Amino acid sequence: MNLDQQRAAIETRFMDQWMVGSPLALRTPVGMPGFTFTPPTDEPSVRMSILNGASMNKSMGSPGSNLVRSAGVLMFQIFTPGGSGTKTANDLADLIQPIFTNWRSGTLLFRTMNTGPADGTPPFYMLPVSFAFERSEFHG
């Protein structure tokens, strides 16, 4: 799985699961990687970032069968209007948790969710949540 396939799998998974109602609508405004996003100050919103990390060879040998494993972190920033407490942000984190906890797509494997530390700097309360993941691919 290459980087663009990784991005597409993650974005599709989140957008499919972040829908509610009939007709379907997003639970909150969503900022996606690579696009400008300004969180609204009067309603909750979520910004997603894919942070790719180090890679290492897990095997070496004949061409095409060299396994490379890459680490990464999927980060969400949950924004809620400042001064309204922590409940809404925590509720949204609870909705994100099952979307990616232990989720696997091909050679992409996610771990459990981590939270915090929160930032209450006006005009927002921002709760970060993240999931460590690994992606494997074969190189020549």
C-alpha atoms as a PDB file:
ATOM      1  CA  MET A   1       0.000   0.000   0.000  1.00  0.00           C
ATOM      2  CA  ASN A   2       1.532   3.319  -1.042  1.00  0.00           C
ATOM      3  CA  LEU A   3       1.002   6.730   0.590  1.00  0.00           C
ATOM      4  CA  ASP A   4      -1.884   7.786  -1.628  1.00  0.00           C
ATOM      5  CA  GLN A   5      -3.684   4.459  -1.127  1.00  0.00           C
ATOM      6  CA  GLN A   6      -3.151   4.907   2.620  1.00  0.00           C
ATOM      7  CA  ARG A   7      -4.646   8.423   2.525  1.00  0.00           C
ATOM      8  CA  ALA A   8      -7.627   7.282   0.459  1.00  0.00           C
ATOM      9  CA  ALA A   9      -8.365   4.339   2.780  1.00  0.00           C
ATOM     10  CA  ILE A  10      -8.216   6.517   5.902  1.00  0.00           C
ATOM     11  CA  GLU A  11     -10.296   9.353   4.468  1.00  0.00           C
ATOM     12  CA  THR A  12     -12.930   6.994   3.050  1.00  0.00           C
ATOM     13  CA  ARG A  13     -13.229   5.099   6.322  1.00  0.00           C
ATOM     14  CA  PHE A  14     -13.694   8.279   8.336  1.00  0.00           C
ATOM     15  CA  MET A  15     -16.096  10.018   5.967  1.00  0.00           C
ATOM     16  CA  ASP A  16     -18.262   6.890   5.612  1.00  0.00           C
ATOM     17  CA  GLN A  17     -18.473   6.491   9.399  1.00  0.00           C
ATOM     18  CA  TRP A  18     -18.887  10.202  10.240  1.00  0.00           C
ATOM     19  CA  MET A  19     -22.254  10.418   8.491  1.00  0.00           C
ATOM     20  CA  VAL A  20     -25.597  10.483  10.281  1.00  0.00           C
ATOM     21  CA  GLY A  21     -29.273  10.956   9.448  1.00  0.00           C
ATOM     22  CA  SER A  22     -31.417  10.602   6.372  1.00  0.00           C
ATOM     23  CA  PRO A  23     -30.455  12.111   4.064  1.00  0.00           C
ATOM     24  CA  LEU A  24     -26.910  11.499   5.218  1.00  0.00           C
ATOM     25  CA  ALA A  25     -24.995  14.500   6.515  1.00  0.00           C
ATOM     26  CA  LEU A  26     -21.667  14.970   8.268  1.00  0.00           C
ATOM     27  CA  ARG A  27     -21.859  14.991  12.089  1.00  0.00           C
ATOM     28  CA  THR A  28     -19.626  18.079  12.133  1.00  0.00           C
ATOM     29  CA  PRO A  29     -17.651  20.152   9.641  1.00  0.00           C
ATOM     30  CA  VAL A  30     -14.457  18.225   8.799  1.00  0.00           C
ATOM     31  CA  GLY A  31     -11.019  19.502   7.826  1.00  0.00           C
ATOM     32  CA  MET A  32      -9.073  17.068   5.661  1.00  0.00           C
ATOM     33  CA  PRO A  33      -5.305  16.791   5.074  1.00  0.00           C
ATOM     34  CA  GLY A  34      -3.977  19.214   2.483  1.00  0.00           C
ATOM     35  CA  PHE A  35      -7.004  21.521   2.484  1.00  0.00           C
ATOM     36  CA  THR A  36      -7.479  24.870   4.183  1.00  0.00           C
ATOM     37  CA  PHE A  37      -9.796  24.586   7.174  1.00  0.00           C
ATOM     38  CA  THR A  38     -10.881  27.194   9.656  1.00  0.00           C
ATOM     39  CA  PRO A  39     -12.850  25.661  12.544  1.00  0.00           C
ATOM     40  CA  PRO A  40     -16.160  27.438  13.110  1.00  0.00           C
ATOM     41  CA  THR A  41     -16.417  29.147  16.489  1.00  0.00           C
ATOM     42  CA  ASP A  42     -20.135  28.465  16.998  1.00  0.00           C
ATOM     43  CA  GLU A  43     -20.326  24.671  16.477  1.00  0.00           C
ATOM     44  CA  PRO A  44     -18.152  21.586  16.960  1.00  0.00           C
ATOM     45  CA  SER A  45     -15.792  20.541  14.174  1.00  0.00           C
ATOM     46  CA  VAL A  46     -13.024  18.020  13.544  1.00  0.00           C
ATOM     47  CA  ARG A  47      -9.715  18.347  11.687  1.00  0.00           C
ATOM     48  CA  MET A  48      -7.893  15.186  10.582  1.00  0.00           C
ATOM     49  CA  SER A  49      -4.141  14.937   9.895  1.00  0.00           C
ATOM     50  CA  ILE A  50      -2.091  11.958   8.740  1.00  0.00           C
ATOM     51  CA  LEU A  51       1.434  12.103  10.150  1.00  0.00           C
ATOM     52  CA  ASN A  52       3.803   9.645   8.525  1.00  0.00           C
ATOM     53  CA  GLY A  53       6.864   8.597  10.463  1.00  0.00           C
ATOM     54  CA  ALA A  54       9.904   6.396  10.186  1.00  0.00           C
ATOM     55  CA  SER A  55      10.177   3.322   7.976  1.00  0.00           C
ATOM     56  CA  MET A  56      12.382   0.285   8.400  1.00  0.00           C
ATOM     57  CA  ASN A  57      13.239  -2.848   6.503  1.00  0.00           C
ATOM     58  CA  LYS A  58      11.653  -5.884   8.096  1.00  0.00           C
ATOM     59  CA  SER A  59      13.217  -8.263   5.584  1.00  0.00           C
ATOM     60  CA  MET A  60      15.819  -8.164   2.850  1.00  0.00           C
ATOM     61  CA  GLY A  61      16.480 -10.518   0.021  1.00  0.00           C
ATOM     62  CA  SER A  62      15.231 -11.197  -3.454  1.00  0.00           C
ATOM     63  CA  PRO A  63      13.834  -8.276  -5.480  1.00  0.00           C
ATOM     64  CA  GLY A  64      10.172  -7.536  -4.861  1.00  0.00           C
ATOM     65  CA  SER A  65      10.051  -9.337  -1.522  1.00  0.00           C
ATOM     66  CA  ASN A  66      11.704  -6.802   0.772  1.00  0.00           C
ATOM     67  CA  LEU A  67       9.148  -5.879   3.429  1.00  0.00           C
ATOM     68  CA  VAL A  68       9.199  -2.256   4.569  1.00  0.00           C
ATOM     69  CA  ARG A  69       7.107  -1.221   7.578  1.00  0.00           C
ATOM     70  CA  SER A  70       6.237   2.444   8.094  1.00  0.00           C
ATOM     71  CA  ALA A  71       4.908   3.979  11.299  1.00  0.00           C
ATOM     72  CA  GLY A  72       2.458   6.835  11.481  1.00  0.00           C
ATOM     73  CA  VAL A  73      -0.104   8.660  13.573  1.00  0.00           C
ATOM     74  CA  LEU A  74      -3.629   9.598  12.599  1.00  0.00           C
ATOM     75  CA  MET A  75      -4.468  12.791  14.493  1.00  0.00           C
ATOM     76  CA  PHE A  76      -7.835  14.413  15.069  1.00  0.00           C
ATOM     77  CA  GLN A  77      -8.313  17.836  16.595  1.00  0.00           C
ATOM     78  CA  ILE A  78     -11.825  18.127  18.013  1.00  0.00           C
ATOM     79  CA  PHE A  79     -12.884  21.759  18.297  1.00  0.00           C
ATOM     80  CA  THR A  80     -15.854  22.916  20.373  1.00  0.00           C
ATOM     81  CA  PRO A  81     -16.887  26.468  21.268  1.00  0.00           C
ATOM     82  CA  GLY A  82     -14.801  27.761  24.175  1.00  0.00           C
ATOM     83  CA  GLY A  83     -16.457  28.089  27.554  1.00  0.00           C
ATOM     84  CA  SER A  84     -18.953  25.289  26.926  1.00  0.00           C
ATOM     85  CA  GLY A  85     -17.146  22.587  28.895  1.00  0.00           C
ATOM     86  CA  THR A  86     -15.620  19.294  27.841  1.00  0.00           C
ATOM     87  CA  LYS A  87     -18.665  17.033  27.339  1.00  0.00           C
ATOM     88  CA  THR A  88     -19.214  17.674  23.622  1.00  0.00           C
ATOM     89  CA  ALA A  89     -15.533  17.141  22.785  1.00  0.00           C
ATOM     90  CA  ASN A  90     -15.451  13.936  24.850  1.00  0.00           C
ATOM     91  CA  ASP A  91     -18.647  12.700  23.170  1.00  0.00           C
ATOM     92  CA  LEU A  92     -17.122  13.289  19.727  1.00  0.00           C
ATOM     93  CA  ALA A  93     -13.932  11.467  20.766  1.00  0.00           C
ATOM     94  CA  ASP A  94     -16.104   8.543  21.862  1.00  0.00           C
ATOM     95  CA  LEU A  95     -17.659   8.499  18.369  1.00  0.00           C
ATOM     96  CA  ILE A  96     -14.258   8.549  16.640  1.00  0.00           C
ATOM     97  CA  GLN A  97     -12.766   5.801  18.813  1.00  0.00           C
ATOM     98  CA  PRO A  98     -14.520   2.770  17.262  1.00  0.00           C
ATOM     99  CA  ILE A  99     -13.899   4.007  13.708  1.00  0.00           C
ATOM    100  CA  PHE A 100     -10.160   3.372  13.899  1.00  0.00           C
ATOM    101  CA  THR A 101      -9.422   1.310  17.039  1.00  0.00           C
ATOM    102  CA  ASN A 102      -7.804  -1.943  15.831  1.00  0.00           C
ATOM    103  CA  TRP A 103      -9.037  -1.270  12.276  1.00  0.00           C
ATOM    104  CA  ARG A 104      -7.221  -2.994   9.430  1.00  0.00           C
ATOM    105  CA  SER A 105      -7.348  -2.252   5.721  1.00  0.00           C
ATOM    106  CA  GLY A 106      -4.986  -4.370   3.658  1.00  0.00           C
ATOM    107  CA  THR A 107      -1.532  -3.782   5.128  1.00  0.00           C
ATOM    108  CA  LEU A 108      -2.663  -0.747   7.145  1.00  0.00           C
ATOM    109  CA  LEU A 109      -3.137  -1.563  10.848  1.00  0.00           C
ATOM    110  CA  PHE A 110      -4.344   0.816  13.566  1.00  0.00           C
ATOM    111  CA  ARG A 111      -3.898   0.645  17.333  1.00  0.00           C
ATOM    112  CA  THR A 112      -6.023   2.112  20.121  1.00  0.00           C
ATOM    113  CA  MET A 113      -6.915   5.769  20.653  1.00  0.00           C
ATOM    114  CA  ASN A 114      -4.891   8.223  22.742  1.00  0.00           C
ATOM    115  CA  THR A 115      -6.260  11.562  23.961  1.00  0.00           C
ATOM    116  CA  GLY A 116      -4.950  14.933  25.114  1.00  0.00           C
ATOM    117  CA  PRO A 117      -3.660  17.141  26.332  1.00  0.00           C
ATOM    118  CA  ALA A 118      -6.574  19.482  25.677  1.00  0.00           C
ATOM    119  CA  ASP A 119      -6.179  23.181  24.915  1.00  0.00           C
ATOM    120  CA  GLY A 120      -8.796  25.636  26.146  1.00  0.00           C
ATOM    121  CA  THR A 121      -7.347  28.719  24.432  1.00  0.00           C
ATOM    122  CA  PRO A 122     -10.271  30.919  23.281  1.00  0.00           C
ATOM    123  CA  PRO A 123     -12.290  30.824  21.134  1.00  0.00           C
ATOM    124  CA  PHE A 124     -12.087  27.006  21.258  1.00  0.00           C
ATOM    125  CA  TYR A 125     -11.757  24.020  23.472  1.00  0.00           C
ATOM    126  CA  MET A 126      -9.574  21.638  21.440  1.00  0.00           C
ATOM    127  CA  LEU A 127      -9.179  17.956  22.324  1.00  0.00           C
ATOM    128  CA  PRO A 128      -6.576  16.020  20.311  1.00  0.00           C
ATOM    129  CA  VAL A 129      -7.097  12.306  19.772  1.00  0.00           C
ATOM    130  CA  SER A 130      -4.669  10.075  17.905  1.00  0.00           C
ATOM    131  CA  PHE A 131      -4.167   6.550  16.674  1.00  0.00           C
ATOM    132  CA  ALA A 132      -0.772   4.994  16.008  1.00  0.00           C
ATOM    133  CA  PHE A 133      -0.722   2.923  12.827  1.00  0.00           C
ATOM    134  CA  GLU A 134       1.645   0.952  10.662  1.00  0.00           C
ATOM    135  CA  ARG A 135       1.689   0.356   6.933  1.00  0.00           C
ATOM    136  CA  SER A 136       3.595  -2.420   5.199  1.00  0.00           C
ATOM    137  CA  GLU A 137       4.674  -2.704   1.588  1.00  0.00           C
ATOM    138  CA  PHE A 138       7.102  -4.703  -0.494  1.00  0.00           C
ATOM    139  CA  HIS A 139       9.967  -3.026  -2.327  1.00  0.00           C
ATOM    140  CA  GLY A 140      12.406  -4.278  -4.950  1.00  0.00           C
END
